[in-house]
Amino acid sequence: MDPWRRLGSQRVHACRVFDLNRVRLAPPGRQDAGDFYVLTAPDWVNVVPVTDDGRVVLIRQYRFGVEGFTLEIPGGMCDPGESPAQAAAREMREETGHEAREIVPIGWVHPNPAIQANRCHSFLARGARPAGTREPDPNEEIEVVTARLDEIPRLIREGAITHALVIAAFHMAALREGR
């Protein structure tokens, strides 16, 4: 398939966590063009912290989009100049107060390729352990909880874990570990 032609782009609005752009694109072999709206954001990270005794360090966090709390793993945006692995370690430390013996990449996904171009990189953090105080962002309300790793599929099935990118990270971790 031939690529679409990009005829121009204009920033419509800039926010702290993303920019909204109007992008004019023409399908291959056609002269007509359309306007499409794209969210431009930094890459994101998710990290699955697992302790040596097989517990996953989770966070219960207030999410403005659903106006309620969700059960998740630590994650967030990559800061400028920061690698995804560095961002994963930082987010885990800030949100849970944990560090890990080893942080390994387990894959990435496009969060929503219909309207976004960024990636969400997922990591498995083995040997997670408390290592200091949490330092959440000012607008983050977070409770740290743990669950046995073998409980995660049930928590997903029962709707206790609903964040799509978190479910994708658990799936990638299971594939990596042969589960």
N, C-alpha and C. Protein backbone atom coordinates (compact mmCIF):
# COMPACT_ATOMS: atom_id res chain seq x y z
N MET A 1 0.84 -1.19 0.00
CA MET A 1 0.00 0.00 0.00
C MET A 1 0.88 1.25 0.00
N ASP A 2 0.48 2.21 -0.78
CA ASP A 2 1.21 3.47 -0.84
C ASP A 2 0.84 4.35 0.36
N PRO A 3 1.81 5.15 0.82
CA PRO A 3 1.50 6.03 1.96
C PRO A 3 0.63 7.20 1.55
N TRP A 4 -0.06 7.74 2.52
CA TRP A 4 -0.83 8.96 2.30
C TRP A 4 0.15 10.13 2.24
N ARG A 5 -0.22 11.20 1.52
CA ARG A 5 0.63 12.38 1.41
C ARG A 5 0.23 13.39 2.48
N ARG A 6 1.23 13.85 3.21
CA ARG A 6 1.00 14.88 4.23
C ARG A 6 1.12 16.23 3.55
N LEU A 7 0.06 17.01 3.59
CA LEU A 7 0.02 18.31 2.92
C LEU A 7 0.24 19.48 3.87
N GLY A 8 0.24 19.21 5.15
CA GLY A 8 0.46 20.28 6.12
C GLY A 8 -0.02 19.88 7.49
N SER A 9 0.39 20.68 8.46
CA SER A 9 0.00 20.43 9.85
C SER A 9 -0.03 21.76 10.59
N GLN A 10 -0.97 21.87 11.51
CA GLN A 10 -1.08 23.08 12.31
C GLN A 10 -1.42 22.70 13.74
N ARG A 11 -0.69 23.26 14.68
CA ARG A 11 -1.02 23.02 16.09
C ARG A 11 -2.28 23.80 16.43
N VAL A 12 -3.26 23.11 16.95
CA VAL A 12 -4.53 23.72 17.33
C VAL A 12 -4.51 24.15 18.79
N HIS A 13 -3.88 23.31 19.62
CA HIS A 13 -3.84 23.59 21.05
C HIS A 13 -2.66 22.86 21.68
N ALA A 14 -2.00 23.52 22.60
CA ALA A 14 -0.88 22.91 23.33
C ALA A 14 -1.29 22.72 24.79
N CYS A 15 -1.10 21.51 25.29
CA CYS A 15 -1.37 21.18 26.69
C CYS A 15 -0.07 20.71 27.34
N ARG A 16 -0.10 20.51 28.63
CA ARG A 16 1.09 20.04 29.33
C ARG A 16 1.51 18.65 28.87
N VAL A 17 0.56 17.76 28.57
CA VAL A 17 0.89 16.37 28.28
C VAL A 17 0.74 15.99 26.80
N PHE A 18 0.18 16.89 25.98
CA PHE A 18 0.07 16.60 24.55
C PHE A 18 -0.25 17.89 23.80
N ASP A 19 -0.02 17.85 22.48
CA ASP A 19 -0.47 18.91 21.59
C ASP A 19 -1.54 18.33 20.68
N LEU A 20 -2.54 19.13 20.36
CA LEU A 20 -3.56 18.74 19.39
C LEU A 20 -3.20 19.40 18.06
N ASN A 21 -3.02 18.59 17.01
CA ASN A 21 -2.65 19.09 15.69
C ASN A 21 -3.71 18.71 14.67
N ARG A 22 -3.95 19.65 13.72
CA ARG A 22 -4.79 19.35 12.57
C ARG A 22 -3.83 19.03 11.43
N VAL A 23 -3.94 17.82 10.89
CA VAL A 23 -3.04 17.35 9.84
C VAL A 23 -3.86 17.15 8.57
N ARG A 24 -3.40 17.73 7.47
CA ARG A 24 -4.08 17.59 6.17
C ARG A 24 -3.38 16.47 5.40
N LEU A 25 -4.16 15.44 5.04
CA LEU A 25 -3.62 14.26 4.35
C LEU A 25 -4.45 13.94 3.12
N ALA A 26 -3.74 13.43 2.09
CA ALA A 26 -4.41 12.99 0.85
C ALA A 26 -4.14 11.51 0.67
N PRO A 27 -5.19 10.72 0.38
CA PRO A 27 -4.99 9.29 0.12
C PRO A 27 -4.16 9.08 -1.15
N PRO A 28 -3.49 7.94 -1.25
CA PRO A 28 -2.68 7.68 -2.44
C PRO A 28 -3.55 7.64 -3.71
N GLY A 29 -3.02 8.27 -4.78
CA GLY A 29 -3.70 8.23 -6.07
C GLY A 29 -4.92 9.13 -6.17
N ARG A 30 -5.18 9.94 -5.15
CA ARG A 30 -6.36 10.82 -5.19
C ARG A 30 -5.92 12.26 -4.89
N GLN A 31 -6.68 13.19 -5.39
CA GLN A 31 -6.37 14.61 -5.19
C GLN A 31 -7.09 15.19 -3.97
N ASP A 32 -8.23 14.56 -3.59
CA ASP A 32 -8.96 15.09 -2.44
C ASP A 32 -8.16 14.85 -1.17
N ALA A 33 -8.31 15.76 -0.23
CA ALA A 33 -7.59 15.68 1.03
C ALA A 33 -8.56 15.89 2.17
N GLY A 34 -8.16 15.45 3.34
CA GLY A 34 -9.00 15.63 4.51
C GLY A 34 -8.18 16.12 5.69
N ASP A 35 -8.88 16.70 6.64
CA ASP A 35 -8.25 17.13 7.88
C ASP A 35 -8.44 16.04 8.92
N PHE A 36 -7.36 15.71 9.62
CA PHE A 36 -7.38 14.70 10.67
C PHE A 36 -6.75 15.31 11.91
N TYR A 37 -7.25 14.93 13.06
CA TYR A 37 -6.75 15.48 14.32
C TYR A 37 -5.89 14.44 15.01
N VAL A 38 -4.69 14.87 15.38
CA VAL A 38 -3.69 13.97 15.95
C VAL A 38 -3.19 14.56 17.26
N LEU A 39 -3.10 13.71 18.28
CA LEU A 39 -2.49 14.10 19.54
C LEU A 39 -1.01 13.75 19.48
N THR A 40 -0.17 14.75 19.67
CA THR A 40 1.27 14.53 19.70
C THR A 40 1.71 14.56 21.16
N ALA A 41 2.30 13.46 21.58
CA ALA A 41 2.70 13.33 22.98
C ALA A 41 4.05 12.64 23.06
N PRO A 42 4.76 12.82 24.17
CA PRO A 42 6.00 12.07 24.34
C PRO A 42 5.69 10.58 24.46
N ASP A 43 6.70 9.74 24.28
CA ASP A 43 6.50 8.32 24.54
C ASP A 43 6.17 8.12 26.01
N TRP A 44 5.45 7.04 26.27
CA TRP A 44 5.05 6.67 27.62
C TRP A 44 5.74 5.39 28.03
N VAL A 45 5.72 5.11 29.33
CA VAL A 45 6.25 3.85 29.85
C VAL A 45 5.28 3.25 30.85
N ASN A 46 5.33 1.94 30.95
CA ASN A 46 4.67 1.17 31.99
C ASN A 46 5.71 0.20 32.53
N VAL A 47 5.66 -0.08 33.82
CA VAL A 47 6.61 -1.02 34.40
C VAL A 47 5.87 -1.98 35.33
N VAL A 48 6.11 -3.28 35.14
CA VAL A 48 5.52 -4.34 35.97
C VAL A 48 6.55 -4.71 37.04
N PRO A 49 6.44 -4.15 38.25
CA PRO A 49 7.40 -4.45 39.30
C PRO A 49 7.02 -5.74 40.04
N VAL A 50 7.91 -6.72 40.03
CA VAL A 50 7.65 -8.00 40.68
C VAL A 50 8.71 -8.21 41.76
N THR A 51 8.25 -8.49 42.97
CA THR A 51 9.18 -8.74 44.08
C THR A 51 9.73 -10.15 43.99
N ASP A 52 10.78 -10.42 44.75
CA ASP A 52 11.38 -11.76 44.73
C ASP A 52 10.43 -12.84 45.23
N ASP A 53 9.43 -12.46 46.03
CA ASP A 53 8.46 -13.46 46.51
C ASP A 53 7.21 -13.51 45.62
N GLY A 54 7.28 -12.95 44.39
CA GLY A 54 6.21 -13.12 43.41
C GLY A 54 5.02 -12.21 43.58
N ARG A 55 5.20 -11.05 44.17
CA ARG A 55 4.12 -10.08 44.29
C ARG A 55 4.35 -8.94 43.31
N VAL A 56 3.26 -8.43 42.74
CA VAL A 56 3.32 -7.30 41.83
C VAL A 56 3.00 -6.04 42.63
N VAL A 57 3.82 -5.02 42.46
CA VAL A 57 3.58 -3.73 43.11
C VAL A 57 2.67 -2.93 42.18
N LEU A 58 1.46 -2.68 42.66
CA LEU A 58 0.44 -1.96 41.89
C LEU A 58 0.16 -0.61 42.53
N ILE A 59 -0.51 0.23 41.77
CA ILE A 59 -0.97 1.51 42.32
C ILE A 59 -2.46 1.66 42.04
N ARG A 60 -3.15 2.20 43.02
CA ARG A 60 -4.54 2.62 42.81
C ARG A 60 -4.46 4.13 42.68
N GLN A 61 -4.88 4.64 41.50
CA GLN A 61 -4.66 6.04 41.17
C GLN A 61 -5.95 6.68 40.67
N TYR A 62 -6.18 7.92 41.10
CA TYR A 62 -7.33 8.67 40.58
C TYR A 62 -7.03 9.08 39.16
N ARG A 63 -7.98 8.81 38.25
CA ARG A 63 -7.84 9.15 36.84
C ARG A 63 -8.94 10.12 36.44
N PHE A 64 -8.53 11.27 35.93
CA PHE A 64 -9.46 12.35 35.62
C PHE A 64 -10.43 11.97 34.50
N GLY A 65 -9.98 11.19 33.52
CA GLY A 65 -10.83 10.82 32.39
C GLY A 65 -12.06 10.03 32.80
N VAL A 66 -11.89 9.10 33.75
CA VAL A 66 -13.02 8.27 34.20
C VAL A 66 -13.59 8.78 35.52
N GLU A 67 -12.97 9.83 36.06
CA GLU A 67 -13.39 10.43 37.33
C GLU A 67 -13.54 9.37 38.41
N GLY A 68 -12.50 8.55 38.52
CA GLY A 68 -12.49 7.52 39.54
C GLY A 68 -11.12 6.88 39.64
N PHE A 69 -11.01 5.92 40.53
CA PHE A 69 -9.74 5.24 40.77
C PHE A 69 -9.61 4.01 39.88
N THR A 70 -8.39 3.77 39.41
CA THR A 70 -8.09 2.57 38.64
C THR A 70 -6.91 1.86 39.29
N LEU A 71 -6.88 0.54 39.11
CA LEU A 71 -5.78 -0.28 39.61
C LEU A 71 -4.82 -0.48 38.45
N GLU A 72 -3.56 -0.07 38.63
CA GLU A 72 -2.59 -0.02 37.54
C GLU A 72 -1.21 -0.45 38.02
N ILE A 73 -0.27 -0.35 37.09
CA ILE A 73 1.14 -0.46 37.40
C ILE A 73 1.74 0.94 37.26
N PRO A 74 2.92 1.18 37.82
CA PRO A 74 3.53 2.50 37.66
C PRO A 74 3.79 2.81 36.19
N GLY A 75 3.67 4.07 35.84
CA GLY A 75 3.93 4.48 34.47
C GLY A 75 3.81 5.97 34.31
N GLY A 76 4.18 6.44 33.13
CA GLY A 76 4.07 7.87 32.86
C GLY A 76 4.79 8.23 31.58
N MET A 77 5.11 9.51 31.45
CA MET A 77 5.73 10.04 30.24
C MET A 77 7.25 10.00 30.36
N CYS A 78 7.89 9.84 29.21
CA CYS A 78 9.34 10.01 29.15
C CYS A 78 9.63 11.51 29.16
N ASP A 79 10.51 11.93 30.04
CA ASP A 79 10.93 13.33 30.06
C ASP A 79 11.88 13.60 28.90
N PRO A 80 12.02 14.85 28.47
CA PRO A 80 12.96 15.16 27.38
C PRO A 80 14.37 14.66 27.69
N GLY A 81 14.98 13.96 26.73
CA GLY A 81 16.32 13.43 26.89
C GLY A 81 16.43 12.17 27.71
N GLU A 82 15.31 11.64 28.15
CA GLU A 82 15.28 10.45 29.01
C GLU A 82 14.92 9.23 28.18
N SER A 83 15.66 8.15 28.34
CA SER A 83 15.33 6.91 27.64
C SER A 83 14.10 6.27 28.29
N PRO A 84 13.39 5.43 27.56
CA PRO A 84 12.26 4.74 28.17
C PRO A 84 12.66 3.94 29.42
N ALA A 85 13.82 3.29 29.41
CA ALA A 85 14.26 2.52 30.59
C ALA A 85 14.49 3.44 31.79
N GLN A 86 15.08 4.60 31.55
CA GLN A 86 15.28 5.57 32.63
C GLN A 86 13.94 6.06 33.16
N ALA A 87 13.00 6.33 32.25
CA ALA A 87 11.67 6.80 32.66
C ALA A 87 10.96 5.73 33.48
N ALA A 88 11.09 4.46 33.09
CA ALA A 88 10.44 3.37 33.83
C ALA A 88 10.97 3.30 35.26
N ALA A 89 12.29 3.37 35.41
CA ALA A 89 12.88 3.32 36.76
C ALA A 89 12.44 4.53 37.58
N ARG A 90 12.42 5.71 36.96
CA ARG A 90 12.01 6.92 37.66
C ARG A 90 10.55 6.86 38.08
N GLU A 91 9.67 6.46 37.16
CA GLU A 91 8.24 6.40 37.49
C GLU A 91 7.97 5.39 38.60
N MET A 92 8.64 4.23 38.56
CA MET A 92 8.44 3.24 39.62
C MET A 92 8.87 3.81 40.97
N ARG A 93 10.01 4.48 41.00
CA ARG A 93 10.51 5.06 42.24
C ARG A 93 9.57 6.18 42.73
N GLU A 94 9.17 7.09 41.81
CA GLU A 94 8.32 8.21 42.23
C GLU A 94 6.96 7.74 42.73
N GLU A 95 6.34 6.78 42.02
CA GLU A 95 4.97 6.40 42.34
C GLU A 95 4.86 5.35 43.44
N THR A 96 5.89 4.50 43.60
CA THR A 96 5.79 3.41 44.58
C THR A 96 6.88 3.45 45.65
N GLY A 97 7.97 4.19 45.43
CA GLY A 97 9.10 4.17 46.34
C GLY A 97 9.96 2.92 46.19
N HIS A 98 9.76 2.17 45.10
CA HIS A 98 10.50 0.93 44.86
C HIS A 98 11.58 1.11 43.80
N GLU A 99 12.62 0.31 43.93
CA GLU A 99 13.64 0.13 42.89
C GLU A 99 13.69 -1.36 42.58
N ALA A 100 14.43 -1.73 41.55
CA ALA A 100 14.48 -3.13 41.15
C ALA A 100 15.91 -3.55 40.84
N ARG A 101 16.17 -4.81 41.02
CA ARG A 101 17.47 -5.40 40.70
C ARG A 101 17.73 -5.34 39.20
N GLU A 102 16.67 -5.52 38.41
CA GLU A 102 16.80 -5.59 36.95
C GLU A 102 15.52 -5.06 36.32
N ILE A 103 15.68 -4.21 35.31
CA ILE A 103 14.53 -3.71 34.54
C ILE A 103 14.79 -4.06 33.08
N VAL A 104 13.91 -4.91 32.53
CA VAL A 104 14.11 -5.38 31.15
C VAL A 104 12.94 -4.95 30.27
N PRO A 105 13.25 -4.53 29.04
CA PRO A 105 12.17 -4.16 28.12
C PRO A 105 11.41 -5.40 27.67
N ILE A 106 10.08 -5.28 27.59
CA ILE A 106 9.26 -6.42 27.17
C ILE A 106 8.43 -6.10 25.93
N GLY A 107 8.56 -4.89 25.40
CA GLY A 107 7.85 -4.54 24.17
C GLY A 107 7.23 -3.16 24.24
N TRP A 108 6.65 -2.77 23.13
CA TRP A 108 5.96 -1.48 23.07
C TRP A 108 4.71 -1.62 22.20
N VAL A 109 3.77 -0.71 22.42
CA VAL A 109 2.54 -0.65 21.64
C VAL A 109 2.27 0.81 21.27
N HIS A 110 1.47 1.00 20.20
CA HIS A 110 0.92 2.32 19.92
C HIS A 110 -0.33 2.44 20.78
N PRO A 111 -0.43 3.43 21.68
CA PRO A 111 -1.61 3.54 22.54
C PRO A 111 -2.92 3.67 21.76
N ASN A 112 -2.94 4.49 20.72
CA ASN A 112 -4.14 4.63 19.89
C ASN A 112 -3.70 5.21 18.54
N PRO A 113 -3.29 4.34 17.59
CA PRO A 113 -2.73 4.84 16.33
C PRO A 113 -3.72 5.62 15.47
N ALA A 114 -5.00 5.58 15.80
CA ALA A 114 -5.97 6.38 15.05
C ALA A 114 -5.76 7.87 15.27
N ILE A 115 -5.29 8.24 16.47
CA ILE A 115 -5.15 9.66 16.78
C ILE A 115 -3.83 10.02 17.45
N GLN A 116 -2.93 9.06 17.65
CA GLN A 116 -1.66 9.32 18.32
C GLN A 116 -0.51 8.66 17.57
N ALA A 117 0.68 9.28 17.69
CA ALA A 117 1.86 8.72 17.04
C ALA A 117 2.87 8.18 18.05
N ASN A 118 2.64 8.38 19.33
CA ASN A 118 3.63 7.97 20.33
C ASN A 118 3.55 6.47 20.62
N ARG A 119 4.50 6.01 21.41
CA ARG A 119 4.56 4.61 21.82
C ARG A 119 4.47 4.52 23.35
N CYS A 120 3.99 3.38 23.81
CA CYS A 120 4.05 3.06 25.23
C CYS A 120 4.98 1.85 25.37
N HIS A 121 6.11 2.07 26.01
CA HIS A 121 7.13 1.04 26.22
C HIS A 121 6.86 0.36 27.56
N SER A 122 6.89 -0.96 27.57
CA SER A 122 6.65 -1.70 28.81
C SER A 122 7.91 -2.41 29.26
N PHE A 123 8.05 -2.50 30.57
CA PHE A 123 9.23 -3.09 31.19
C PHE A 123 8.80 -4.04 32.30
N LEU A 124 9.60 -5.06 32.52
CA LEU A 124 9.46 -5.96 33.65
C LEU A 124 10.57 -5.63 34.63
N ALA A 125 10.21 -5.32 35.86
CA ALA A 125 11.19 -4.99 36.90
C ALA A 125 11.26 -6.16 37.88
N ARG A 126 12.35 -6.90 37.80
CA ARG A 126 12.53 -8.07 38.68
C ARG A 126 13.27 -7.64 39.94
N GLY A 127 12.90 -8.26 41.05
CA GLY A 127 13.53 -7.94 42.32
C GLY A 127 13.14 -6.58 42.86
N ALA A 128 11.88 -6.20 42.65
CA ALA A 128 11.41 -4.91 43.16
C ALA A 128 11.42 -4.93 44.68
N ARG A 129 11.85 -3.82 45.26
CA ARG A 129 11.93 -3.71 46.72
C ARG A 129 11.80 -2.25 47.14
N PRO A 130 11.24 -1.99 48.33
CA PRO A 130 11.15 -0.61 48.81
C PRO A 130 12.54 0.00 48.90
N ALA A 131 12.66 1.26 48.48
CA ALA A 131 13.98 1.90 48.46
C ALA A 131 13.91 3.38 48.85
N GLY A 132 12.84 3.80 49.46
CA GLY A 132 12.74 5.20 49.85
C GLY A 132 11.32 5.69 49.80
N THR A 133 11.19 6.99 49.95
CA THR A 133 9.87 7.58 49.98
C THR A 133 9.36 7.81 48.56
N ARG A 134 8.06 7.78 48.42
CA ARG A 134 7.42 8.06 47.13
C ARG A 134 7.48 9.56 46.88
N GLU A 135 7.47 9.94 45.59
CA GLU A 135 7.47 11.35 45.20
C GLU A 135 6.50 11.56 44.05
N PRO A 136 5.20 11.32 44.28
CA PRO A 136 4.25 11.49 43.17
C PRO A 136 4.15 12.96 42.75
N ASP A 137 3.70 13.16 41.51
CA ASP A 137 3.45 14.52 41.03
C ASP A 137 2.38 15.17 41.90
N PRO A 138 2.33 16.49 41.94
CA PRO A 138 1.36 17.18 42.80
C PRO A 138 -0.10 16.79 42.55
N ASN A 139 -0.46 16.47 41.32
CA ASN A 139 -1.85 16.12 41.01
C ASN A 139 -2.09 14.62 40.97
N GLU A 140 -1.18 13.82 41.51
CA GLU A 140 -1.36 12.37 41.55
C GLU A 140 -1.79 11.95 42.96
N GLU A 141 -2.91 11.24 43.03
CA GLU A 141 -3.36 10.64 44.27
C GLU A 141 -3.19 9.14 44.10
N ILE A 142 -2.21 8.57 44.81
CA ILE A 142 -1.81 7.17 44.58
C ILE A 142 -1.74 6.41 45.89
N GLU A 143 -2.28 5.20 45.85
CA GLU A 143 -2.13 4.24 46.96
C GLU A 143 -1.35 3.04 46.40
N VAL A 144 -0.32 2.61 47.11
CA VAL A 144 0.47 1.45 46.68
C VAL A 144 -0.13 0.20 47.30
N VAL A 145 -0.38 -0.80 46.45
CA VAL A 145 -0.91 -2.09 46.90
C VAL A 145 -0.13 -3.19 46.19
N THR A 146 -0.22 -4.40 46.71
CA THR A 146 0.42 -5.53 46.03
C THR A 146 -0.59 -6.65 45.82
N ALA A 147 -0.28 -7.49 44.85
CA ALA A 147 -1.09 -8.67 44.58
C ALA A 147 -0.14 -9.77 44.11
N ARG A 148 -0.49 -11.00 44.39
CA ARG A 148 0.32 -12.10 43.87
C ARG A 148 0.26 -12.10 42.35
N LEU A 149 1.37 -12.41 41.72
CA LEU A 149 1.43 -12.42 40.26
C LEU A 149 0.36 -13.34 39.67
N ASP A 150 0.12 -14.47 40.32
CA ASP A 150 -0.88 -15.40 39.78
C ASP A 150 -2.32 -14.90 39.95
N GLU A 151 -2.52 -13.80 40.68
CA GLU A 151 -3.86 -13.20 40.82
C GLU A 151 -4.19 -12.23 39.69
N ILE A 152 -3.19 -11.79 38.93
CA ILE A 152 -3.40 -10.75 37.92
C ILE A 152 -4.43 -11.16 36.87
N PRO A 153 -4.38 -12.38 36.29
CA PRO A 153 -5.42 -12.73 35.31
C PRO A 153 -6.84 -12.61 35.86
N ARG A 154 -7.04 -13.01 37.12
CA ARG A 154 -8.37 -12.89 37.72
C ARG A 154 -8.76 -11.42 37.88
N LEU A 155 -7.82 -10.58 38.31
CA LEU A 155 -8.12 -9.15 38.47
C LEU A 155 -8.51 -8.50 37.14
N ILE A 156 -7.89 -8.96 36.06
CA ILE A 156 -8.25 -8.46 34.73
C ILE A 156 -9.63 -8.99 34.33
N ARG A 157 -9.84 -10.30 34.48
CA ARG A 157 -11.14 -10.91 34.11
C ARG A 157 -12.30 -10.28 34.86
N GLU A 158 -12.10 -10.00 36.14
CA GLU A 158 -13.18 -9.46 36.98
C GLU A 158 -13.36 -7.95 36.83
N GLY A 159 -12.51 -7.30 36.04
CA GLY A 159 -12.66 -5.87 35.83
C GLY A 159 -12.03 -5.00 36.90
N ALA A 160 -11.19 -5.57 37.75
CA ALA A 160 -10.49 -4.76 38.74
C ALA A 160 -9.35 -3.97 38.08
N ILE A 161 -8.76 -4.54 37.02
CA ILE A 161 -7.75 -3.85 36.21
C ILE A 161 -8.38 -3.63 34.84
N THR A 162 -8.56 -2.36 34.47
CA THR A 162 -9.26 -2.04 33.23
C THR A 162 -8.44 -1.19 32.26
N HIS A 163 -7.31 -0.68 32.69
CA HIS A 163 -6.49 0.20 31.85
C HIS A 163 -5.87 -0.64 30.73
N ALA A 164 -6.20 -0.32 29.49
CA ALA A 164 -5.79 -1.13 28.34
C ALA A 164 -4.27 -1.26 28.22
N LEU A 165 -3.53 -0.20 28.49
CA LEU A 165 -2.08 -0.27 28.37
C LEU A 165 -1.47 -1.10 29.49
N VAL A 166 -2.10 -1.13 30.63
CA VAL A 166 -1.65 -1.98 31.74
C VAL A 166 -1.88 -3.45 31.38
N ILE A 167 -3.05 -3.74 30.82
CA ILE A 167 -3.36 -5.12 30.40
C ILE A 167 -2.38 -5.56 29.32
N ALA A 168 -2.05 -4.67 28.39
CA ALA A 168 -1.07 -4.99 27.35
C ALA A 168 0.29 -5.30 27.97
N ALA A 169 0.70 -4.53 28.98
CA ALA A 169 2.00 -4.77 29.63
C ALA A 169 2.01 -6.13 30.33
N PHE A 170 0.91 -6.47 31.01
CA PHE A 170 0.85 -7.78 31.66
C PHE A 170 0.90 -8.90 30.62
N HIS A 171 0.25 -8.70 29.49
CA HIS A 171 0.28 -9.72 28.43
C HIS A 171 1.70 -9.88 27.89
N MET A 172 2.39 -8.77 27.64
CA MET A 172 3.77 -8.85 27.15
C MET A 172 4.68 -9.49 28.18
N ALA A 173 4.46 -9.21 29.46
CA ALA A 173 5.27 -9.83 30.51
C ALA A 173 5.03 -11.34 30.54
N ALA A 174 3.78 -11.75 30.41
CA ALA A 174 3.45 -13.18 30.41
C ALA A 174 4.08 -13.88 29.20
N LEU A 175 4.04 -13.25 28.04
CA LEU A 175 4.67 -13.82 26.86
C LEU A 175 6.17 -13.96 27.07
N ARG A 176 6.80 -12.95 27.63
CA ARG A 176 8.25 -12.99 27.87
C ARG A 176 8.62 -14.10 28.83
N GLU A 177 7.80 -14.29 29.85
CA GLU A 177 8.10 -15.29 30.87
C GLU A 177 7.57 -16.67 30.53
N GLY A 178 6.93 -16.80 29.36
CA GLY A 178 6.44 -18.11 28.93
C GLY A 178 5.19 -18.57 29.66
N ARG A 179 4.37 -17.61 30.13
CA ARG A 179 3.12 -17.97 30.80
C ARG A 179 1.96 -17.81 29.87
